[in-house]
Amino acid sequence: YHLNYYHGVSALTGRPFPAPLASRVAAGAGGRGRQQGLCGVCGEWVFTDSSRKVAINVPQIYWWKHIQACTK
């Protein structure tokens, strides 16, 4: 858990998770743009930030959770 969600390292391979192929800002609620990343495994645009306006200790956690689930 710690390696996956605090360091972005796959527990299965011991290697860092791949970065998104591309990134973009999508329109969000209240006119606030939200970051998205293009997954190289499933080809979907995934939100890479929180929908709430709070400070996040590990901002990449949203991407890492997606890519971990996508590469199983």
PDB file of N, CA and C in Angstrom:
ATOM      1  N   TYR A   1       0.825  -1.194   0.000  1.00  0.00           N
ATOM      2  CA  TYR A   1       0.000   0.000   0.000  1.00  0.00           C
ATOM      3  C   TYR A   1       0.867   1.255   0.000  1.00  0.00           C
ATOM      4  N   HIS A   2       1.841   1.279   0.878  1.00  0.00           N
ATOM      5  CA  HIS A   2       2.680   2.470   1.014  1.00  0.00           C
ATOM      6  C   HIS A   2       3.436   2.777  -0.282  1.00  0.00           C
ATOM      7  N   LEU A   3       4.054   1.769  -0.876  1.00  0.00           N
ATOM      8  CA  LEU A   3       4.785   2.011  -2.129  1.00  0.00           C
ATOM      9  C   LEU A   3       3.852   2.453  -3.239  1.00  0.00           C
ATOM     10  N   ASN A   4       2.676   1.817  -3.327  1.00  0.00           N
ATOM     11  CA  ASN A   4       1.719   2.163  -4.379  1.00  0.00           C
ATOM     12  C   ASN A   4       1.232   3.593  -4.269  1.00  0.00           C
ATOM     13  N   TYR A   5       0.785   3.988  -3.083  1.00  0.00           N
ATOM     14  CA  TYR A   5       0.057   5.239  -2.933  1.00  0.00           C
ATOM     15  C   TYR A   5       0.849   6.411  -2.370  1.00  0.00           C
ATOM     16  N   TYR A   6       2.084   6.172  -1.951  1.00  0.00           N
ATOM     17  CA  TYR A   6       2.898   7.289  -1.471  1.00  0.00           C
ATOM     18  C   TYR A   6       4.114   7.533  -2.353  1.00  0.00           C
ATOM     19  N   HIS A   7       4.506   6.514  -3.111  1.00  0.00           N
ATOM     20  CA  HIS A   7       5.685   6.646  -3.960  1.00  0.00           C
ATOM     21  C   HIS A   7       5.412   6.345  -5.434  1.00  0.00           C
ATOM     22  N   GLY A   8       4.244   5.792  -5.739  1.00  0.00           N
ATOM     23  CA  GLY A   8       3.899   5.489  -7.127  1.00  0.00           C
ATOM     24  C   GLY A   8       4.684   4.332  -7.693  1.00  0.00           C
ATOM     25  N   VAL A   9       4.995   3.358  -6.841  1.00  0.00           N
ATOM     26  CA  VAL A   9       5.768   2.193  -7.267  1.00  0.00           C
ATOM     27  C   VAL A   9       4.861   0.971  -7.215  1.00  0.00           C
ATOM     28  N   SER A  10       4.846   0.194  -8.291  1.00  0.00           N
ATOM     29  CA  SER A  10       4.017  -0.997  -8.363  1.00  0.00           C
ATOM     30  C   SER A  10       4.555  -2.068  -7.426  1.00  0.00           C
ATOM     31  N   ALA A  11       3.675  -2.647  -6.615  1.00  0.00           N
ATOM     32  CA  ALA A  11       4.074  -3.730  -5.729  1.00  0.00           C
ATOM     33  C   ALA A  11       4.358  -5.007  -6.521  1.00  0.00           C
ATOM     34  N   LEU A  12       3.764  -5.133  -7.699  1.00  0.00           N
ATOM     35  CA  LEU A  12       3.970  -6.330  -8.514  1.00  0.00           C
ATOM     36  C   LEU A  12       5.310  -6.324  -9.237  1.00  0.00           C
ATOM     37  N   THR A  13       5.693  -5.177  -9.776  1.00  0.00           N
ATOM     38  CA  THR A  13       6.910  -5.121 -10.589  1.00  0.00           C
ATOM     39  C   THR A  13       8.070  -4.427  -9.898  1.00  0.00           C
ATOM     40  N   GLY A  14       7.779  -3.610  -8.880  1.00  0.00           N
ATOM     41  CA  GLY A  14       8.837  -2.842  -8.223  1.00  0.00           C
ATOM     42  C   GLY A  14       9.278  -1.629  -9.028  1.00  0.00           C
ATOM     43  N   ARG A  15       8.568  -1.329 -10.087  1.00  0.00           N
ATOM     44  CA  ARG A  15       8.894  -0.191 -10.946  1.00  0.00           C
ATOM     45  C   ARG A  15       7.874   0.927 -10.754  1.00  0.00           C
ATOM     46  N   PRO A  16       8.271   2.160 -11.033  1.00  0.00           N
ATOM     47  CA  PRO A  16       7.313   3.269 -10.934  1.00  0.00           C
ATOM     48  C   PRO A  16       6.164   3.094 -11.934  1.00  0.00           C
ATOM     49  N   PHE A  17       4.978   3.562 -11.530  1.00  0.00           N
ATOM     50  CA  PHE A  17       3.843   3.526 -12.448  1.00  0.00           C
ATOM     51  C   PHE A  17       4.125   4.464 -13.614  1.00  0.00           C
ATOM     52  N   PRO A  18       3.630   4.121 -14.815  1.00  0.00           N
ATOM     53  CA  PRO A  18       3.827   5.019 -15.956  1.00  0.00           C
ATOM     54  C   PRO A  18       3.030   6.304 -15.797  1.00  0.00           C
ATOM     55  N   ALA A  19       3.573   7.366 -16.328  1.00  0.00           N
ATOM     56  CA  ALA A  19       2.892   8.663 -16.317  1.00  0.00           C
ATOM     57  C   ALA A  19       1.795   8.669 -17.380  1.00  0.00           C
ATOM     58  N   PRO A  20       0.846   9.578 -17.277  1.00  0.00           N
ATOM     59  CA  PRO A  20      -0.172   9.698 -18.330  1.00  0.00           C
ATOM     60  C   PRO A  20       0.477  10.017 -19.678  1.00  0.00           C
ATOM     61  N   LEU A  21      -0.134   9.550 -20.758  1.00  0.00           N
ATOM     62  CA  LEU A  21       0.388   9.828 -22.100  1.00  0.00           C
ATOM     63  C   LEU A  21       0.249  11.296 -22.464  1.00  0.00           C
ATOM     64  N   ALA A  22      -0.815  11.919 -21.983  1.00  0.00           N
ATOM     65  CA  ALA A  22      -1.084  13.335 -22.236  1.00  0.00           C
ATOM     66  C   ALA A  22      -1.889  13.871 -21.072  1.00  0.00           C
ATOM     67  N   SER A  23      -1.959  15.169 -20.972  1.00  0.00           N
ATOM     68  CA  SER A  23      -2.786  15.770 -19.923  1.00  0.00           C
ATOM     69  C   SER A  23      -3.573  16.931 -20.512  1.00  0.00           C
ATOM     70  N   ARG A  24      -4.675  17.243 -19.841  1.00  0.00           N
ATOM     71  CA  ARG A  24      -5.518  18.353 -20.276  1.00  0.00           C
ATOM     72  C   ARG A  24      -6.282  18.886 -19.067  1.00  0.00           C
ATOM     73  N   VAL A  25      -6.864  20.049 -19.243  1.00  0.00           N
ATOM     74  CA  VAL A  25      -7.721  20.633 -18.211  1.00  0.00           C
ATOM     75  C   VAL A  25      -9.151  20.577 -18.731  1.00  0.00           C
ATOM     76  N   ALA A  26     -10.011  19.922 -17.969  1.00  0.00           N
ATOM     77  CA  ALA A  26     -11.416  19.793 -18.345  1.00  0.00           C
ATOM     78  C   ALA A  26     -12.249  20.742 -17.497  1.00  0.00           C
ATOM     79  N   ALA A  27     -13.328  21.228 -18.047  1.00  0.00           N
ATOM     80  CA  ALA A  27     -14.213  22.127 -17.311  1.00  0.00           C
ATOM     81  C   ALA A  27     -14.813  21.392 -16.124  1.00  0.00           C
ATOM     82  N   GLY A  28     -14.831  22.061 -14.998  1.00  0.00           N
ATOM     83  CA  GLY A  28     -15.391  21.479 -13.790  1.00  0.00           C
ATOM     84  C   GLY A  28     -16.531  22.321 -13.263  1.00  0.00           C
ATOM     85  N   ALA A  29     -17.099  21.886 -12.180  1.00  0.00           N
ATOM     86  CA  ALA A  29     -18.205  22.620 -11.559  1.00  0.00           C
ATOM     87  C   ALA A  29     -17.718  23.967 -11.043  1.00  0.00           C
ATOM     88  N   GLY A  30     -18.533  24.965 -11.174  1.00  0.00           N
ATOM     89  CA  GLY A  30     -18.186  26.290 -10.670  1.00  0.00           C
ATOM     90  C   GLY A  30     -17.113  26.988 -11.483  1.00  0.00           C
ATOM     91  N   GLY A  31     -16.904  26.543 -12.709  1.00  0.00           N
ATOM     92  CA  GLY A  31     -15.918  27.176 -13.566  1.00  0.00           C
ATOM     93  C   GLY A  31     -14.480  26.798 -13.255  1.00  0.00           C
ATOM     94  N   ARG A  32     -14.297  25.871 -12.315  1.00  0.00           N
ATOM     95  CA  ARG A  32     -12.945  25.436 -11.951  1.00  0.00           C
ATOM     96  C   ARG A  32     -12.499  24.309 -12.871  1.00  0.00           C
ATOM     97  N   GLY A  33     -11.339  24.467 -13.489  1.00  0.00           N
ATOM     98  CA  GLY A  33     -10.816  23.427 -14.355  1.00  0.00           C
ATOM     99  C   GLY A  33     -10.219  22.295 -13.544  1.00  0.00           C
ATOM    100  N   ARG A  34     -10.351  21.082 -14.042  1.00  0.00           N
ATOM    101  CA  ARG A  34      -9.785  19.910 -13.371  1.00  0.00           C
ATOM    102  C   ARG A  34      -8.810  19.213 -14.306  1.00  0.00           C
ATOM    103  N   GLN A  35      -7.719  18.752 -13.746  1.00  0.00           N
ATOM    104  CA  GLN A  35      -6.693  18.057 -14.520  1.00  0.00           C
ATOM    105  C   GLN A  35      -7.142  16.640 -14.858  1.00  0.00           C
ATOM    106  N   GLN A  36      -6.824  16.220 -16.087  1.00  0.00           N
ATOM    107  CA  GLN A  36      -7.071  14.850 -16.510  1.00  0.00           C
ATOM    108  C   GLN A  36      -5.812  14.319 -17.177  1.00  0.00           C
ATOM    109  N   GLY A  37      -5.612  13.009 -17.079  1.00  0.00           N
ATOM    110  CA  GLY A  37      -4.500  12.348 -17.743  1.00  0.00           C
ATOM    111  C   GLY A  37      -5.022  11.234 -18.624  1.00  0.00           C
ATOM    112  N   LEU A  38      -4.367  11.016 -19.759  1.00  0.00           N
ATOM    113  CA  LEU A  38      -4.761   9.962 -20.695  1.00  0.00           C
ATOM    114  C   LEU A  38      -4.037   8.675 -20.334  1.00  0.00           C
ATOM    115  N   CYS A  39      -4.813   7.641 -20.025  1.00  0.00           N
ATOM    116  CA  CYS A  39      -4.251   6.349 -19.644  1.00  0.00           C
ATOM    117  C   CYS A  39      -3.791   5.593 -20.891  1.00  0.00           C
ATOM    118  N   GLY A  40      -2.552   5.124 -20.860  1.00  0.00           N
ATOM    119  CA  GLY A  40      -2.008   4.355 -21.973  1.00  0.00           C
ATOM    120  C   GLY A  40      -2.484   2.916 -21.996  1.00  0.00           C
ATOM    121  N   VAL A  41      -3.118   2.453 -20.929  1.00  0.00           N
ATOM    122  CA  VAL A  41      -3.603   1.074 -20.863  1.00  0.00           C
ATOM    123  C   VAL A  41      -5.028   0.971 -21.381  1.00  0.00           C
ATOM    124  N   CYS A  42      -5.936   1.785 -20.825  1.00  0.00           N
ATOM    125  CA  CYS A  42      -7.353   1.682 -21.208  1.00  0.00           C
ATOM    126  C   CYS A  42      -7.781   2.753 -22.201  1.00  0.00           C
ATOM    127  N   GLY A  43      -6.959   3.790 -22.405  1.00  0.00           N
ATOM    128  CA  GLY A  43      -7.276   4.833 -23.366  1.00  0.00           C
ATOM    129  C   GLY A  43      -8.294   5.856 -22.884  1.00  0.00           C
ATOM    130  N   GLU A  44      -8.595   5.857 -21.594  1.00  0.00           N
ATOM    131  CA  GLU A  44      -9.580   6.795 -21.055  1.00  0.00           C
ATOM    132  C   GLU A  44      -8.901   7.997 -20.418  1.00  0.00           C
ATOM    133  N   TRP A  45      -9.624   9.124 -20.394  1.00  0.00           N
ATOM    134  CA  TRP A  45      -9.175  10.314 -19.678  1.00  0.00           C
ATOM    135  C   TRP A  45      -9.605  10.158 -18.230  1.00  0.00           C
ATOM    136  N   VAL A  46      -8.659  10.278 -17.314  1.00  0.00           N
ATOM    137  CA  VAL A  46      -8.890  10.054 -15.894  1.00  0.00           C
ATOM    138  C   VAL A  46      -8.592  11.339 -15.135  1.00  0.00           C
ATOM    139  N   PHE A  47      -9.468  11.718 -14.206  1.00  0.00           N
ATOM    140  CA  PHE A  47      -9.187  12.885 -13.376  1.00  0.00           C
ATOM    141  C   PHE A  47      -7.974  12.595 -12.502  1.00  0.00           C
ATOM    142  N   THR A  48      -7.045  13.529 -12.468  1.00  0.00           N
ATOM    143  CA  THR A  48      -5.825  13.343 -11.692  1.00  0.00           C
ATOM    144  C   THR A  48      -5.756  14.302 -10.514  1.00  0.00           C
ATOM    145  N   ASP A  49      -6.869  14.924 -10.183  1.00  0.00           N
ATOM    146  CA  ASP A  49      -6.921  15.795  -9.017  1.00  0.00           C
ATOM    147  C   ASP A  49      -8.241  15.584  -8.288  1.00  0.00           C
ATOM    148  N   SER A  50      -8.345  16.167  -7.131  1.00  0.00           N
ATOM    149  CA  SER A  50      -9.531  16.008  -6.302  1.00  0.00           C
ATOM    150  C   SER A  50     -10.666  16.884  -6.802  1.00  0.00           C
ATOM    151  N   SER A  51     -11.877  16.408  -6.636  1.00  0.00           N
ATOM    152  CA  SER A  51     -13.045  17.218  -6.984  1.00  0.00           C
ATOM    153  C   SER A  51     -13.360  18.207  -5.867  1.00  0.00           C
ATOM    154  N   ARG A  52     -12.759  18.011  -4.704  1.00  0.00           N
ATOM    155  CA  ARG A  52     -12.965  18.918  -3.570  1.00  0.00           C
ATOM    156  C   ARG A  52     -11.829  19.930  -3.508  1.00  0.00           C
ATOM    157  N   LYS A  53     -12.101  21.062  -2.928  1.00  0.00           N
ATOM    158  CA  LYS A  53     -11.096  22.114  -2.794  1.00  0.00           C
ATOM    159  C   LYS A  53     -10.383  21.957  -1.458  1.00  0.00           C
ATOM    160  N   VAL A  54      -9.590  20.905  -1.330  1.00  0.00           N
ATOM    161  CA  VAL A  54      -8.822  20.649  -0.115  1.00  0.00           C
ATOM    162  C   VAL A  54      -7.379  20.348  -0.497  1.00  0.00           C
ATOM    163  N   ALA A  55      -6.486  20.563   0.432  1.00  0.00           N
ATOM    164  CA  ALA A  55      -5.078  20.235   0.196  1.00  0.00           C
ATOM    165  C   ALA A  55      -4.901  18.715   0.245  1.00  0.00           C
ATOM    166  N   ILE A  56      -4.157  18.196  -0.710  1.00  0.00           N
ATOM    167  CA  ILE A  56      -3.896  16.761  -0.791  1.00  0.00           C
ATOM    168  C   ILE A  56      -2.410  16.546  -0.533  1.00  0.00           C
ATOM    169  N   ASN A  57      -2.078  15.621   0.370  1.00  0.00           N
ATOM    170  CA  ASN A  57      -0.672  15.353   0.691  1.00  0.00           C
ATOM    171  C   ASN A  57       0.086  14.762  -0.490  1.00  0.00           C
ATOM    172  N   VAL A  58      -0.556  13.858  -1.228  1.00  0.00           N
ATOM    173  CA  VAL A  58       0.079  13.204  -2.379  1.00  0.00           C
ATOM    174  C   VAL A  58      -0.838  13.417  -3.584  1.00  0.00           C
ATOM    175  N   PRO A  59      -0.627  14.502  -4.337  1.00  0.00           N
ATOM    176  CA  PRO A  59      -1.547  14.822  -5.437  1.00  0.00           C
ATOM    177  C   PRO A  59      -1.644  13.738  -6.513  1.00  0.00           C
ATOM    178  N   GLN A  60      -0.601  12.968  -6.722  1.00  0.00           N
ATOM    179  CA  GLN A  60      -0.602  11.950  -7.771  1.00  0.00           C
ATOM    180  C   GLN A  60      -1.418  10.719  -7.404  1.00  0.00           C
ATOM    181  N   ILE A  61      -1.922  10.646  -6.185  1.00  0.00           N
ATOM    182  CA  ILE A  61      -2.607   9.428  -5.724  1.00  0.00           C
ATOM    183  C   ILE A  61      -3.784   9.038  -6.618  1.00  0.00           C
ATOM    184  N   TYR A  62      -4.488  10.003  -7.175  1.00  0.00           N
ATOM    185  CA  TYR A  62      -5.639   9.682  -8.034  1.00  0.00           C
ATOM    186  C   TYR A  62      -5.189   8.967  -9.304  1.00  0.00           C
ATOM    187  N   TRP A  63      -4.096   9.420  -9.873  1.00  0.00           N
ATOM    188  CA  TRP A  63      -3.557   8.752 -11.054  1.00  0.00           C
ATOM    189  C   TRP A  63      -3.023   7.376 -10.681  1.00  0.00           C
ATOM    190  N   TRP A  64      -2.278   7.279  -9.594  1.00  0.00           N
ATOM    191  CA  TRP A  64      -1.686   6.004  -9.197  1.00  0.00           C
ATOM    192  C   TRP A  64      -2.756   4.968  -8.890  1.00  0.00           C
ATOM    193  N   LYS A  65      -3.846   5.373  -8.268  1.00  0.00           N
ATOM    194  CA  LYS A  65      -4.930   4.410  -7.976  1.00  0.00           C
ATOM    195  C   LYS A  65      -5.535   3.885  -9.281  1.00  0.00           C
ATOM    196  N   HIS A  66      -5.728   4.775 -10.245  1.00  0.00           N
ATOM    197  CA  HIS A  66      -6.291   4.327 -11.522  1.00  0.00           C
ATOM    198  C   HIS A  66      -5.340   3.367 -12.229  1.00  0.00           C
ATOM    199  N   ILE A  67      -4.083   3.763 -12.357  1.00  0.00           N
ATOM    200  CA  ILE A  67      -3.137   2.950 -13.132  1.00  0.00           C
ATOM    201  C   ILE A  67      -2.871   1.616 -12.458  1.00  0.00           C
ATOM    202  N   GLN A  68      -2.909   1.567 -11.143  1.00  0.00           N
ATOM    203  CA  GLN A  68      -2.743   0.292 -10.445  1.00  0.00           C
ATOM    204  C   GLN A  68      -3.905  -0.637 -10.781  1.00  0.00           C
ATOM    205  N   ALA A  69      -5.128  -0.135 -10.725  1.00  0.00           N
ATOM    206  CA  ALA A  69      -6.303  -0.952 -11.032  1.00  0.00           C
ATOM    207  C   ALA A  69      -6.327  -1.333 -12.510  1.00  0.00           C
ATOM    208  N   CYS A  70      -5.838  -0.470 -13.349  1.00  0.00           N
ATOM    209  CA  CYS A  70      -5.890  -0.693 -14.798  1.00  0.00           C
ATOM    210  C   CYS A  70      -4.851  -1.714 -15.271  1.00  0.00           C
ATOM    211  N   THR A  71      -3.764  -1.875 -14.550  1.00  0.00           N
ATOM    212  CA  THR A  71      -2.691  -2.770 -14.990  1.00  0.00           C
ATOM    213  C   THR A  71      -2.731  -4.146 -14.324  1.00  0.00           C
ATOM    214  N   LYS A  72      -3.785  -4.437 -13.553  1.00  0.00           N
ATOM    215  CA  LYS A  72      -3.892  -5.758 -12.917  1.00  0.00           C
ATOM    216  C   LYS A  72      -4.279  -6.801 -13.912  1.00  0.00           C
TER     217      LYS A  72
END
